[in-house]
Amino acid sequence: MNENVIYSINGPVVTVKNASEFSMLEMVYVGHKKLMGEVISISRDATTIQVYESTTGLQPGEPVYASHQPIQVTLGPGILRNIFDGIERPLRAIAKESGAFIETGSAVAPLDEEALWQVTMKVKIGDKLVGGQIYATVPETDLIEHRLMVPPHMSGEVVWVGENKTYRIHDEVVKLRLDNGDVQALTLCQKWPIKTARPVKERLPISIPLVTGQRIFDTLFPIAKGGTAAIPGGFGTGKTMTQHQLAKWCDADIIVYVGCGERGNEMTQVLEEFSELVDPKSQKPLTDRTVLIANTSNMPVAAREASIYTGLTLAEYYRDMGYHVAIMADSTSRWAEALREISGRLEEMPAEEGFPAYLPSRISQFYERAGYMRTLNGAEGSVSIIGAVSPQGADFSEPVTQNTKRFVRCFWALDKQLAYARHYFAINWNESYSEYVNDLSRWYMRNVDARFMNCRQQLTALLAEETKLMEIVKLIGSDVLPDDQKLVIEISKVIRVGYLQQNAFHPEDTYVPLAKQMKMMDVILYLYKQSKKVLSEGKPMSLILKTGIFDKVIKMKYDVANNQLELLETYMPMIDEALAQIE
């Protein structure tokens, strides 16, 4: 008979008196319905459990069962194209079984156990295998080959190999004689605890950008493969849309999208959009390389914390195969709010704004799992983390934004005024920064153009000068400015509207290759240089504007197709011709 029974229930927090068999961070099953929970505090008198499902209807006296394992996810073929909740339950399979709402205690297997996968063996009898080595491959989707790896802490000699044929995920395909003499069977899947980072051989220096095709990121504030970025912004500034656009176009092999505490209709939009999208590189559905984790705001609050770690563990698993993975976490503020709620129910001493004192360490643990790695099998892979932050009232001085800023190297600050002016992306170029610029400069100069970083520097200098001038303009108007300063304001408008602003619905502007970004910068800076020359000859700025050449340069992003970059060369003579007509 099970002696461990519920003593008290406080929302998602359950206590058990005088329990001796539980260990810290152990997964347990609570109540007659066997709700999934995790041990978060142990004392001699009481064990505290946070439950990842709704505790409605739970009563004191119901049993609590130990599992003697930490919370873990099942890793194997079938993850891609799937939609999971925060504790890796497949939502499509649950919907078939119980309809639109998840029943408590729903025990559906994370991966389809009846699906057949075509397995190609990569080892033979007598081979010595160590953790991380690939023993078989499976075509998981048309875009991604799933590589079955020996679990990290296992090694031994192959004593049996199955044929190349179709298998279910729990079928044995290889047998190893371990170093201690035991024989261990390997299947198509393995389990891994979500709060433990998967081991790697070494962390490599960051030197390759995550190319997004979005000019404000690639040019001004680049993120590296294996890098971290935060997108803070108030309500309606476009955090989710920015992450959608990055998920569609960044050159990661696999996208893990975690909707953590977001509105249900937003997640529905994500699911519908992603299912319709075509991968630009392969012309196959984008879902072939995407995993979605939906933990909406009406789902149990404790599962929000788990959803972040579940997404990270899936990302690390594909990284270990040698893929570059981008994880979109939307939003880490909702995750922090879940920590605050549970901390309050545990009656812990609150720190700033009621958040628990361990908030910074939790945020750092999350972002530190990003990186560009050499995996255990010698391949190179990366996990890049892009986390949205939703500060209340767009106040960037609140604890979640400030602590996130400490641990990320890319800060893309969204601006309410830009968003309401329909400037997309609404990223404030004065408040944002990227610490990866120096790390990536060599790659840009070698793979795009030797002048790329110099042109970028000139653009940022002009924008910074415009910001100073606009303070004067606000006080006394633009008429008092000398012509060379008026030129700075006009050329900055070209940079803002013609370069930084991007149209996600325009076929030529939704994604812009780096070569086109370089040539566009060339044209803008050439216009600035030639206009300066005209001003030095004593001709007024008003006549330069009358030529209409500034408007033509703004429109080049639409007028020049991505596969006709040679047309951008015609803009230099066009500028010369327009300026030569000024008398």
Protein backbone atom coordinates (compact mmCIF):
# COMPACT_ATOMS: atom_id res chain seq x y z
CA MET A 1 0.00 0.00 0.00
CA ASN A 2 1.23 3.52 -0.92
CA GLU A 3 1.84 5.48 2.30
CA ASN A 4 2.53 8.82 0.59
CA VAL A 5 -0.69 10.84 0.45
CA ILE A 6 -1.56 14.48 -0.25
CA TYR A 7 -1.61 16.62 2.91
CA SER A 8 -2.45 20.04 1.40
CA ILE A 9 -3.17 21.62 -2.00
CA ASN A 10 -2.44 25.27 -2.85
CA GLY A 11 -3.09 25.81 -6.58
CA PRO A 12 -0.38 23.85 -8.42
CA VAL A 13 1.59 23.28 -5.17
CA VAL A 14 0.94 20.05 -3.27
CA THR A 15 2.57 18.93 0.00
CA VAL A 16 3.10 15.40 1.34
CA LYS A 17 3.86 14.85 5.04
CA ASN A 18 6.61 12.53 6.36
CA ALA A 19 7.63 11.15 2.96
CA SER A 20 11.08 9.59 2.85
CA GLU A 21 11.37 8.00 -0.59
CA PHE A 22 11.27 11.15 -2.78
CA SER A 23 14.39 12.92 -4.06
CA MET A 24 14.88 16.50 -5.25
CA LEU A 25 13.64 17.26 -8.82
CA GLU A 26 12.11 13.77 -9.07
CA MET A 27 9.07 13.27 -11.30
CA VAL A 28 6.04 12.03 -9.33
CA TYR A 29 2.43 11.11 -10.13
CA VAL A 30 -0.15 12.88 -7.98
CA GLY A 31 -3.66 11.65 -7.11
CA HIS A 32 -5.87 8.91 -8.56
CA LYS A 33 -5.56 10.51 -12.03
CA LYS A 34 -1.74 10.36 -11.78
CA LEU A 35 -1.11 14.02 -12.59
CA MET A 36 2.50 14.72 -13.51
CA GLY A 37 4.49 16.69 -10.92
CA GLU A 38 8.01 17.48 -9.77
CA VAL A 39 9.54 17.56 -6.29
CA ILE A 40 10.82 21.12 -5.66
CA SER A 41 11.43 21.14 -1.90
CA ILE A 42 12.18 18.50 0.74
CA SER A 43 12.37 18.81 4.51
CA ARG A 44 12.24 16.20 7.25
CA ASP A 45 8.52 16.89 7.77
CA ALA A 46 7.17 17.72 4.32
CA THR A 47 7.84 17.27 0.62
CA THR A 48 6.61 20.00 -1.76
CA ILE A 49 5.57 19.13 -5.31
CA GLN A 50 4.65 21.43 -8.19
CA VAL A 51 2.01 19.83 -10.42
CA TYR A 52 2.21 20.42 -14.19
CA GLU A 53 -1.52 19.86 -14.72
CA SER A 54 -4.69 21.42 -13.33
CA THR A 55 -5.28 20.35 -9.71
CA THR A 56 -9.05 21.00 -9.90
CA GLY A 57 -10.89 18.16 -8.11
CA LEU A 58 -7.78 16.89 -6.32
CA GLN A 59 -8.34 16.08 -2.61
CA PRO A 60 -6.15 15.54 0.47
CA GLY A 61 -5.61 11.85 1.16
CA GLU A 62 -5.12 10.89 -2.50
CA PRO A 63 -1.92 8.89 -3.14
CA VAL A 64 1.35 10.24 -4.58
CA TYR A 65 3.53 7.79 -6.54
CA ALA A 66 7.32 8.03 -6.93
CA SER A 67 8.97 7.41 -10.31
CA HIS A 68 12.62 7.54 -9.10
CA GLN A 69 13.49 9.53 -12.25
CA PRO A 70 13.79 13.24 -13.06
CA ILE A 71 11.33 14.84 -15.52
CA GLN A 72 12.50 13.73 -18.92
CA VAL A 73 11.52 13.85 -22.58
CA THR A 74 11.46 11.08 -25.18
CA LEU A 75 13.85 11.81 -28.06
CA GLY A 76 13.44 10.01 -31.37
CA PRO A 77 11.94 10.21 -34.88
CA GLY A 78 8.57 11.95 -34.99
CA ILE A 79 9.50 15.10 -33.06
CA LEU A 80 9.55 17.27 -36.19
CA ARG A 81 6.16 18.33 -37.61
CA ASN A 82 4.70 17.68 -34.14
CA ILE A 83 2.98 20.06 -31.70
CA PHE A 84 3.62 19.38 -27.99
CA ASP A 85 2.46 20.98 -24.78
CA GLY A 86 4.97 22.05 -22.10
CA ILE A 87 5.58 18.47 -20.86
CA GLU A 88 5.91 16.87 -24.32
CA ARG A 89 2.39 15.56 -24.72
CA PRO A 90 1.40 15.53 -28.40
CA LEU A 91 -1.57 17.88 -28.79
CA ARG A 92 -2.84 16.42 -32.07
CA ALA A 93 -2.99 12.91 -30.58
CA ILE A 94 -4.73 14.26 -27.45
CA ALA A 95 -7.25 16.18 -29.58
CA LYS A 96 -8.18 12.94 -31.39
CA GLU A 97 -8.65 11.18 -28.06
CA SER A 98 -10.35 13.82 -25.89
CA GLY A 99 -11.28 16.80 -28.09
CA ALA A 100 -10.16 20.43 -27.92
CA PHE A 101 -9.34 20.50 -24.19
CA ILE A 102 -6.66 18.40 -22.54
CA GLU A 103 -8.02 16.10 -19.87
CA THR A 104 -6.05 15.95 -16.62
CA GLY A 105 -3.94 12.82 -16.27
CA SER A 106 -3.91 12.36 -20.06
CA ALA A 107 -1.26 9.69 -20.67
CA VAL A 108 -0.66 9.77 -24.44
CA ALA A 109 2.82 8.66 -25.56
CA PRO A 110 4.96 11.64 -26.71
CA LEU A 111 5.89 9.99 -30.03
CA ASP A 112 3.72 7.77 -32.23
CA GLU A 113 4.60 4.21 -31.12
CA GLU A 114 2.93 2.54 -34.10
CA ALA A 115 4.54 4.62 -36.88
CA LEU A 116 7.06 2.75 -39.03
CA TRP A 117 10.42 4.35 -39.84
CA GLN A 118 12.87 3.24 -42.55
CA VAL A 119 16.17 2.62 -40.71
CA THR A 120 19.61 2.44 -42.37
CA MET A 121 22.30 0.90 -40.13
CA LYS A 122 25.68 2.65 -39.93
CA VAL A 123 27.57 0.10 -37.77
CA LYS A 124 28.60 -3.55 -37.97
CA ILE A 125 29.30 -6.32 -35.43
CA GLY A 126 32.60 -5.74 -33.64
CA ASP A 127 32.51 -1.93 -33.86
CA LYS A 128 33.40 -0.06 -30.68
CA LEU A 129 30.86 2.70 -29.96
CA VAL A 130 31.01 5.56 -27.46
CA GLY A 131 28.36 8.06 -26.35
CA GLY A 132 27.10 10.34 -29.12
CA GLN A 133 28.19 8.10 -32.01
CA ILE A 134 25.63 7.57 -34.79
CA TYR A 135 24.55 3.94 -35.23
CA ALA A 136 21.66 4.39 -37.72
CA THR A 137 19.81 7.04 -39.74
CA VAL A 138 16.10 7.61 -40.45
CA PRO A 139 14.60 10.01 -43.04
CA GLU A 140 12.39 11.84 -40.51
CA THR A 141 11.07 14.38 -43.04
CA ASP A 142 11.95 15.31 -46.62
CA LEU A 143 14.39 17.91 -45.26
CA ILE A 144 15.91 16.35 -42.12
CA GLU A 145 17.77 13.07 -41.69
CA HIS A 146 17.34 11.83 -38.10
CA ARG A 147 20.61 10.40 -36.78
CA LEU A 148 20.23 7.82 -34.02
CA MET A 149 22.99 8.31 -31.44
CA VAL A 150 24.31 6.18 -28.60
CA PRO A 151 23.13 7.79 -25.31
CA PRO A 152 25.88 10.14 -24.01
CA HIS A 153 27.06 8.09 -21.00
CA MET A 154 27.11 4.67 -22.69
CA SER A 155 29.88 2.83 -24.56
CA GLY A 156 30.56 -0.73 -25.67
CA GLU A 157 31.07 -3.21 -28.52
CA VAL A 158 28.38 -3.99 -31.12
CA VAL A 159 27.30 -7.66 -30.78
CA TRP A 160 24.15 -7.60 -32.97
CA VAL A 161 22.84 -5.36 -35.76
CA GLY A 162 19.32 -5.46 -37.26
CA GLU A 163 18.56 -5.38 -40.98
CA ASN A 164 17.89 -2.22 -42.99
CA LYS A 165 14.09 -2.17 -42.89
CA THR A 166 11.18 -0.40 -41.16
CA TYR A 167 10.96 -0.36 -37.36
CA ARG A 168 8.76 1.17 -34.65
CA ILE A 169 10.45 3.54 -32.20
CA HIS A 170 10.70 0.97 -29.36
CA ASP A 171 12.03 -1.87 -31.58
CA GLU A 172 15.59 -3.01 -30.93
CA VAL A 173 17.99 -2.24 -33.80
CA VAL A 174 21.48 -2.66 -32.26
CA LYS A 175 22.84 -4.49 -29.20
CA LEU A 176 25.96 -3.38 -27.33
CA ARG A 177 28.09 -5.28 -24.87
CA LEU A 178 28.89 -2.61 -22.31
CA ASP A 179 32.25 -2.24 -20.60
CA ASN A 180 30.89 -4.07 -17.52
CA GLY A 181 29.81 -7.10 -19.64
CA ASP A 182 26.05 -6.39 -19.72
CA VAL A 183 24.26 -6.40 -23.08
CA GLN A 184 22.21 -3.26 -23.77
CA ALA A 185 19.72 -2.95 -26.63
CA LEU A 186 19.47 0.36 -28.54
CA THR A 187 16.11 1.38 -30.03
CA LEU A 188 15.04 4.35 -32.16
CA CYS A 189 14.51 6.55 -29.09
CA GLN A 190 16.13 7.58 -25.82
CA LYS A 191 15.13 9.68 -22.81
CA TRP A 192 16.87 12.73 -21.37
CA PRO A 193 16.15 14.89 -18.25
CA ILE A 194 15.03 18.36 -19.37
CA LYS A 195 16.90 20.33 -16.69
CA THR A 196 20.29 18.77 -17.51
CA ALA A 197 22.23 20.15 -20.48
CA ARG A 198 23.30 17.43 -22.94
CA PRO A 199 27.09 16.94 -22.88
CA VAL A 200 29.35 18.07 -25.75
CA LYS A 201 33.02 17.61 -26.60
CA GLU A 202 33.88 21.33 -26.59
CA ARG A 203 32.39 24.81 -26.91
CA LEU A 204 33.73 26.51 -30.05
CA PRO A 205 34.33 30.26 -30.53
CA ILE A 206 31.46 32.12 -32.18
CA SER A 207 32.36 33.34 -35.67
CA ILE A 208 29.46 32.61 -38.10
CA PRO A 209 26.33 34.81 -38.28
CA LEU A 210 22.78 33.47 -38.21
CA VAL A 211 21.73 35.05 -41.52
CA THR A 212 18.11 36.20 -41.34
CA GLY A 213 17.58 38.14 -44.58
CA GLN A 214 16.26 41.03 -42.42
CA ARG A 215 18.43 44.11 -42.96
CA ILE A 216 18.25 45.61 -39.46
CA PHE A 217 19.51 42.33 -37.97
CA ASP A 218 22.06 41.25 -40.57
CA THR A 219 23.58 44.72 -40.97
CA LEU A 220 23.17 46.65 -37.73
CA PHE A 221 22.60 44.10 -34.97
CA PRO A 222 23.73 40.64 -36.12
CA ILE A 223 23.29 37.47 -34.07
CA ALA A 224 25.72 34.57 -34.35
CA LYS A 225 24.98 30.87 -34.73
CA GLY A 226 25.08 29.70 -31.13
CA GLY A 227 24.29 33.22 -29.93
CA THR A 228 21.62 34.68 -27.67
CA ALA A 229 19.25 37.58 -28.29
CA ALA A 230 16.40 39.25 -26.41
CA ILE A 231 13.47 41.07 -28.03
CA PRO A 232 11.92 43.26 -25.32
CA GLY A 233 8.85 45.31 -26.16
CA GLY A 234 5.53 46.51 -24.82
CA PHE A 235 2.12 45.19 -25.86
CA GLY A 236 1.54 45.38 -29.63
CA THR A 237 5.10 46.29 -30.64
CA GLY A 238 5.61 43.15 -32.71
CA LYS A 239 7.63 40.65 -30.63
CA THR A 240 5.72 37.62 -31.90
CA MET A 241 5.71 38.85 -35.53
CA THR A 242 9.48 39.48 -35.35
CA GLN A 243 10.04 35.92 -34.12
CA HIS A 244 7.74 34.54 -36.84
CA GLN A 245 9.77 36.34 -39.51
CA LEU A 246 13.07 35.10 -38.06
CA ALA A 247 11.72 31.54 -37.82
CA LYS A 248 10.66 31.64 -41.48
CA TRP A 249 13.86 33.06 -42.92
CA CYS A 250 16.91 32.49 -40.68
CA ASP A 251 19.39 29.94 -42.02
CA ALA A 252 19.07 27.51 -39.10
CA ASP A 253 18.42 23.88 -40.09
CA ILE A 254 15.69 23.38 -37.46
CA ILE A 255 13.33 25.77 -35.66
CA VAL A 256 11.97 25.08 -32.15
CA TYR A 257 9.15 27.53 -31.39
CA VAL A 258 8.08 27.67 -27.72
CA GLY A 259 4.85 29.59 -27.05
CA CYS A 260 5.17 30.08 -23.30
CA GLY A 261 2.08 31.61 -21.67
CA GLU A 262 1.02 33.38 -24.85
CA ARG A 263 -2.55 34.00 -25.97
CA GLY A 264 -4.28 30.97 -27.47
CA ASN A 265 -5.32 32.81 -30.65
CA GLU A 266 -1.67 33.83 -31.26
CA MET A 267 -0.54 30.22 -30.98
CA THR A 268 -3.36 29.19 -33.34
CA GLN A 269 -2.10 31.77 -35.82
CA VAL A 270 1.44 30.37 -35.52
CA LEU A 271 0.20 26.81 -36.11
CA GLU A 272 -1.90 27.83 -39.11
CA GLU A 273 0.80 30.04 -40.64
CA PHE A 274 3.59 27.51 -40.23
CA SER A 275 1.50 24.73 -41.81
CA GLU A 276 0.95 26.90 -44.92
CA LEU A 277 4.51 28.20 -45.26
CA VAL A 278 6.91 26.85 -47.86
CA ASP A 279 10.60 26.59 -46.95
CA PRO A 280 12.35 29.05 -49.32
CA LYS A 281 15.46 26.87 -49.65
CA SER A 282 13.80 23.54 -50.50
CA GLN A 283 10.26 24.49 -51.58
CA LYS A 284 8.97 21.90 -49.08
CA PRO A 285 6.61 22.74 -46.14
CA LEU A 286 8.40 24.68 -43.38
CA THR A 287 6.86 22.31 -40.80
CA ASP A 288 9.28 19.62 -42.10
CA ARG A 289 11.99 21.29 -39.99
CA THR A 290 9.91 22.81 -37.19
CA VAL A 291 8.86 21.71 -33.70
CA LEU A 292 6.10 23.68 -31.94
CA ILE A 293 5.61 23.70 -28.17
CA ALA A 294 2.33 25.34 -27.21
CA ASN A 295 1.80 26.29 -23.59
CA THR A 296 -0.93 28.91 -23.76
CA SER A 297 -1.94 31.29 -20.99
CA ASN A 298 -4.92 29.15 -19.93
CA MET A 299 -2.77 26.03 -19.43
CA PRO A 300 -1.42 25.17 -15.93
CA VAL A 301 1.06 27.78 -14.79
CA ALA A 302 3.73 25.33 -13.57
CA ALA A 303 4.04 23.76 -17.04
CA ARG A 304 5.32 27.08 -18.40
CA GLU A 305 8.61 26.54 -16.62
CA ALA A 306 8.89 23.03 -18.03
CA SER A 307 8.02 24.16 -21.60
CA ILE A 308 11.19 26.28 -21.85
CA TYR A 309 13.41 23.35 -20.77
CA THR A 310 11.53 20.88 -22.98
CA GLY A 311 12.17 23.08 -26.03
CA LEU A 312 15.85 23.46 -25.10
CA THR A 313 16.36 19.71 -24.70
CA LEU A 314 14.79 18.98 -28.11
CA ALA A 315 17.05 21.68 -29.62
CA GLU A 316 20.17 20.18 -28.00
CA TYR A 317 19.24 16.71 -29.28
CA TYR A 318 19.20 17.91 -32.89
CA ARG A 319 22.35 19.97 -32.30
CA ASP A 320 24.09 16.74 -31.22
CA MET A 321 23.25 15.28 -34.66
CA GLY A 322 25.21 18.16 -36.24
CA TYR A 323 22.38 20.58 -37.03
CA HIS A 324 22.11 24.32 -36.40
CA VAL A 325 18.98 24.93 -34.32
CA ALA A 326 17.23 28.22 -33.52
CA ILE A 327 14.88 28.29 -30.53
CA MET A 328 12.24 31.03 -30.31
CA ALA A 329 10.96 31.51 -26.75
CA ASP A 330 7.82 33.65 -26.64
CA SER A 331 7.85 34.94 -23.98
CA THR A 332 10.30 34.53 -21.12
CA SER A 333 8.33 37.12 -19.07
CA ARG A 334 5.39 34.70 -18.83
CA TRP A 335 7.86 32.05 -17.67
CA ALA A 336 9.20 34.44 -15.00
CA GLU A 337 5.62 35.20 -13.93
CA ALA A 338 5.04 31.47 -13.45
CA LEU A 339 8.14 31.34 -11.21
CA ARG A 340 6.77 34.29 -9.26
CA GLU A 341 3.37 32.68 -8.77
CA ILE A 342 4.78 29.37 -7.56
CA SER A 343 7.32 31.17 -5.36
CA GLY A 344 4.44 33.08 -3.76
CA ARG A 345 2.49 29.90 -3.06
CA LEU A 346 5.63 28.43 -1.45
CA GLU A 347 5.77 31.55 0.77
CA GLU A 348 9.37 32.29 -0.25
CA MET A 349 10.81 35.72 0.51
CA PRO A 350 10.12 37.86 -2.58
CA ALA A 351 12.83 40.00 -4.19
CA GLU A 352 12.34 42.91 -6.61
CA GLU A 353 8.73 43.33 -7.84
CA GLY A 354 7.75 40.06 -6.15
CA PHE A 355 9.97 37.89 -8.36
CA PRO A 356 11.93 35.17 -6.53
CA ALA A 357 15.54 35.90 -5.57
CA TYR A 358 16.72 33.09 -7.89
CA LEU A 359 15.24 34.73 -11.05
CA PRO A 360 18.68 35.86 -12.40
CA SER A 361 20.19 32.39 -11.99
CA ARG A 362 17.23 30.75 -13.78
CA ILE A 363 17.49 33.20 -16.69
CA SER A 364 21.26 32.66 -16.94
CA GLN A 365 20.87 28.84 -16.86
CA PHE A 366 18.46 29.13 -19.78
CA TYR A 367 20.62 31.34 -22.01
CA GLU A 368 23.88 29.56 -21.12
CA ARG A 369 22.62 26.41 -22.86
CA ALA A 370 23.06 28.21 -26.19
CA GLY A 371 26.38 27.88 -28.01
CA TYR A 372 28.33 26.67 -31.02
CA MET A 373 29.59 23.21 -30.09
CA ARG A 374 31.69 20.30 -31.27
CA THR A 375 29.43 17.37 -30.44
CA LEU A 376 30.46 14.00 -28.96
CA ASN A 377 30.59 12.49 -32.47
CA GLY A 378 32.90 15.25 -33.77
CA ALA A 379 30.27 17.14 -35.79
CA GLU A 380 29.62 20.87 -35.37
CA GLY A 381 26.19 22.08 -34.28
CA SER A 382 24.67 25.07 -32.55
CA VAL A 383 21.69 26.21 -30.51
CA SER A 384 20.78 29.90 -30.91
CA ILE A 385 18.23 31.33 -28.46
CA ILE A 386 15.99 34.28 -29.33
CA GLY A 387 13.80 35.14 -26.34
CA ALA A 388 10.97 37.68 -26.30
CA VAL A 389 10.48 39.73 -23.14
CA SER A 390 7.16 41.45 -22.33
CA PRO A 391 7.84 44.17 -19.73
CA GLN A 392 4.65 45.62 -18.27
CA GLY A 393 4.00 49.12 -19.59
CA ALA A 394 7.09 48.80 -21.88
CA ASP A 395 9.27 49.55 -18.83
CA PHE A 396 12.72 48.18 -19.65
CA SER A 397 13.96 48.82 -16.11
CA GLU A 398 11.85 45.96 -14.68
CA PRO A 399 13.68 42.85 -13.36
CA VAL A 400 13.09 40.35 -16.21
CA THR A 401 14.37 42.76 -18.92
CA GLN A 402 17.31 43.93 -16.82
CA ASN A 403 18.41 40.41 -15.86
CA THR A 404 17.96 39.16 -19.42
CA LYS A 405 20.14 42.05 -20.62
CA ARG A 406 22.93 40.78 -18.36
CA PHE A 407 23.03 37.36 -19.98
CA VAL A 408 22.38 37.98 -23.70
CA ARG A 409 24.76 39.60 -26.17
CA CYS A 410 22.09 40.88 -28.58
CA PHE A 411 19.43 43.34 -27.45
CA TRP A 412 16.74 44.24 -29.99
CA ALA A 413 14.60 46.87 -28.24
CA LEU A 414 11.15 47.32 -29.77
CA ASP A 415 9.73 50.84 -29.76
CA LYS A 416 6.04 51.66 -29.25
CA GLN A 417 6.22 54.85 -31.37
CA LEU A 418 7.85 53.06 -34.30
CA ALA A 419 5.26 50.26 -34.06
CA TYR A 420 2.35 52.72 -34.08
CA ALA A 421 3.95 54.54 -37.04
CA ARG A 422 3.86 51.16 -38.89
CA HIS A 423 7.67 51.03 -39.07
CA TYR A 424 8.38 47.30 -39.29
CA PHE A 425 10.60 46.02 -37.65
CA ALA A 426 9.87 48.46 -34.82
CA ILE A 427 13.42 48.10 -33.48
CA ASN A 428 14.88 51.22 -31.93
CA TRP A 429 18.37 51.58 -33.43
CA ASN A 430 19.49 53.86 -30.56
CA GLU A 431 18.62 51.49 -27.70
CA SER A 432 19.54 48.20 -29.44
CA TYR A 433 22.99 46.68 -29.68
CA SER A 434 24.86 43.53 -30.69
CA GLU A 435 28.11 42.42 -29.06
CA TYR A 436 28.72 39.94 -31.89
CA VAL A 437 29.79 42.60 -34.42
CA ASN A 438 33.53 42.18 -33.77
CA ASP A 439 33.26 38.35 -33.64
CA LEU A 440 31.52 38.27 -37.03
CA SER A 441 33.37 41.07 -38.86
CA ARG A 442 35.94 38.69 -40.37
CA TRP A 443 33.18 36.42 -41.75
CA TYR A 444 31.33 39.38 -43.33
CA MET A 445 34.52 40.78 -44.87
CA ARG A 446 35.51 37.37 -46.25
CA ASN A 447 32.10 36.12 -47.45
CA VAL A 448 30.18 39.28 -48.41
CA ASP A 449 32.48 42.26 -49.06
CA ALA A 450 35.66 43.60 -47.51
CA ARG A 451 33.90 46.98 -47.08
CA PHE A 452 30.77 45.60 -45.36
CA MET A 453 31.70 46.52 -41.77
CA ASN A 454 32.96 49.95 -42.82
CA CYS A 455 29.67 50.73 -44.61
CA ARG A 456 27.71 49.50 -41.57
CA GLN A 457 29.76 51.82 -39.36
CA GLN A 458 29.00 54.82 -41.60
CA LEU A 459 25.26 54.03 -41.49
CA THR A 460 25.21 53.81 -37.67
CA ALA A 461 27.24 57.04 -37.39
CA LEU A 462 24.72 58.88 -39.59
CA LEU A 463 21.77 57.57 -37.54
CA ALA A 464 23.47 58.59 -34.29
CA GLU A 465 24.12 62.10 -35.69
CA GLU A 466 20.49 62.37 -36.83
CA THR A 467 19.29 61.57 -33.29
CA LYS A 468 21.35 64.50 -31.91
CA LEU A 469 20.10 66.86 -34.63
CA MET A 470 16.46 65.89 -34.10
CA GLU A 471 16.69 67.22 -30.53
CA ILE A 472 17.60 70.64 -31.95
CA VAL A 473 14.86 70.37 -34.63
CA LYS A 474 12.23 69.62 -31.96
CA LEU A 475 13.21 72.81 -30.10
CA ILE A 476 13.68 75.36 -32.91
CA GLY A 477 12.71 73.68 -36.21
CA SER A 478 14.81 72.45 -39.13
CA ASP A 479 15.04 75.77 -41.01
CA VAL A 480 17.87 77.06 -38.83
CA LEU A 481 20.14 74.07 -39.58
CA PRO A 482 22.95 74.50 -42.10
CA ASP A 483 22.60 72.52 -45.35
CA ASP A 484 25.18 69.85 -44.43
CA GLN A 485 23.12 69.00 -41.32
CA LYS A 486 19.89 69.03 -43.34
CA LEU A 487 21.60 66.49 -45.62
CA VAL A 488 22.33 64.23 -42.61
CA ILE A 489 18.61 64.30 -41.67
CA GLU A 490 17.52 63.53 -45.26
CA ILE A 491 20.03 60.72 -45.80
CA SER A 492 19.06 59.24 -42.41
CA LYS A 493 15.45 59.20 -43.62
CA VAL A 494 16.63 57.18 -46.63
CA ILE A 495 18.42 54.77 -44.25
CA ARG A 496 15.37 54.47 -41.96
CA VAL A 497 12.65 54.15 -44.59
CA GLY A 498 14.57 52.72 -47.53
CA TYR A 499 16.88 50.35 -45.64
CA LEU A 500 15.83 49.55 -42.06
CA GLN A 501 12.07 49.41 -42.71
CA GLN A 502 11.13 46.13 -44.38
CA ASN A 503 7.88 44.85 -45.89
CA ALA A 504 7.13 41.25 -44.86
CA PHE A 505 4.36 41.00 -47.49
CA HIS A 506 6.42 42.16 -50.50
CA PRO A 507 7.95 39.22 -52.42
CA GLU A 508 11.30 41.03 -52.98
CA ASP A 509 11.51 42.67 -49.55
CA THR A 510 10.44 39.90 -47.13
CA TYR A 511 13.91 38.32 -47.48
CA VAL A 512 17.01 40.20 -48.69
CA PRO A 513 20.29 38.38 -49.41
CA LEU A 514 23.49 39.83 -47.93
CA ALA A 515 24.84 40.75 -51.39
CA LYS A 516 21.80 43.00 -52.00
CA GLN A 517 22.14 44.52 -48.52
CA MET A 518 25.75 45.44 -49.33
CA LYS A 519 24.87 47.03 -52.69
CA MET A 520 21.96 48.99 -51.13
CA MET A 521 24.37 50.41 -48.53
CA ASP A 522 26.75 51.34 -51.36
CA VAL A 523 24.00 53.27 -53.20
CA ILE A 524 22.87 55.16 -50.05
CA LEU A 525 26.43 56.14 -49.09
CA TYR A 526 27.22 57.13 -52.69
CA LEU A 527 24.14 59.42 -52.67
CA TYR A 528 25.40 60.98 -49.41
CA LYS A 529 28.92 61.52 -50.76
CA GLN A 530 27.77 63.06 -54.08
CA SER A 531 25.16 65.28 -52.37
CA LYS A 532 27.87 66.55 -50.01
CA LYS A 533 30.00 67.41 -53.01
CA VAL A 534 27.13 69.39 -54.57
CA LEU A 535 26.61 71.28 -51.29
CA SER A 536 30.33 72.15 -51.17
CA GLU A 537 29.86 73.87 -54.55
CA GLY A 538 27.42 76.25 -52.87
CA LYS A 539 24.17 74.76 -54.18
CA PRO A 540 21.28 74.61 -51.68
CA MET A 541 19.83 71.41 -50.18
CA SER A 542 16.31 72.35 -51.39
CA LEU A 543 17.40 71.94 -55.04
CA ILE A 544 18.92 68.51 -54.35
CA LEU A 545 15.60 67.36 -52.85
CA LYS A 546 13.66 68.69 -55.85
CA THR A 547 15.46 66.21 -58.14
CA GLY A 548 13.46 63.37 -56.52
CA ILE A 549 16.54 61.16 -56.40
CA PHE A 550 16.16 60.58 -52.63
CA ASP A 551 12.69 59.06 -53.17
CA LYS A 552 14.00 56.88 -56.01
CA VAL A 553 16.74 55.49 -53.74
CA ILE A 554 14.18 54.77 -50.99
CA LYS A 555 12.13 52.70 -53.47
CA MET A 556 15.07 50.61 -54.74
CA LYS A 557 14.24 47.85 -52.22
CA TYR A 558 11.04 47.18 -54.20
CA ASP A 559 12.25 48.11 -57.71
CA VAL A 560 15.28 45.78 -57.79
CA ALA A 561 14.56 42.04 -57.62
CA ASN A 562 16.81 39.85 -55.47
CA ASN A 563 18.04 38.00 -58.57
CA GLN A 564 18.78 41.22 -60.56
CA LEU A 565 21.39 42.85 -58.35
CA GLU A 566 23.21 44.25 -61.38
CA LEU A 567 20.38 46.82 -61.63
CA LEU A 568 21.67 48.41 -58.41
CA GLU A 569 24.82 49.37 -60.34
CA THR A 570 22.66 51.67 -62.51
CA TYR A 571 21.76 53.80 -59.48
CA MET A 572 25.24 55.46 -59.32
CA PRO A 573 25.00 56.99 -62.84
CA MET A 574 21.34 57.87 -62.11
CA ILE A 575 22.43 59.82 -58.98
CA ASP A 576 25.21 61.59 -60.92
CA GLU A 577 22.80 62.51 -63.72
CA ALA A 578 20.14 63.87 -61.30
CA LEU A 579 22.66 65.95 -59.32
CA ALA A 580 24.34 67.27 -62.51
CA GLN A 581 21.05 68.92 -63.55
CA ILE A 582 21.13 71.25 -60.52
CA GLU A 583 22.07 74.75 -61.64
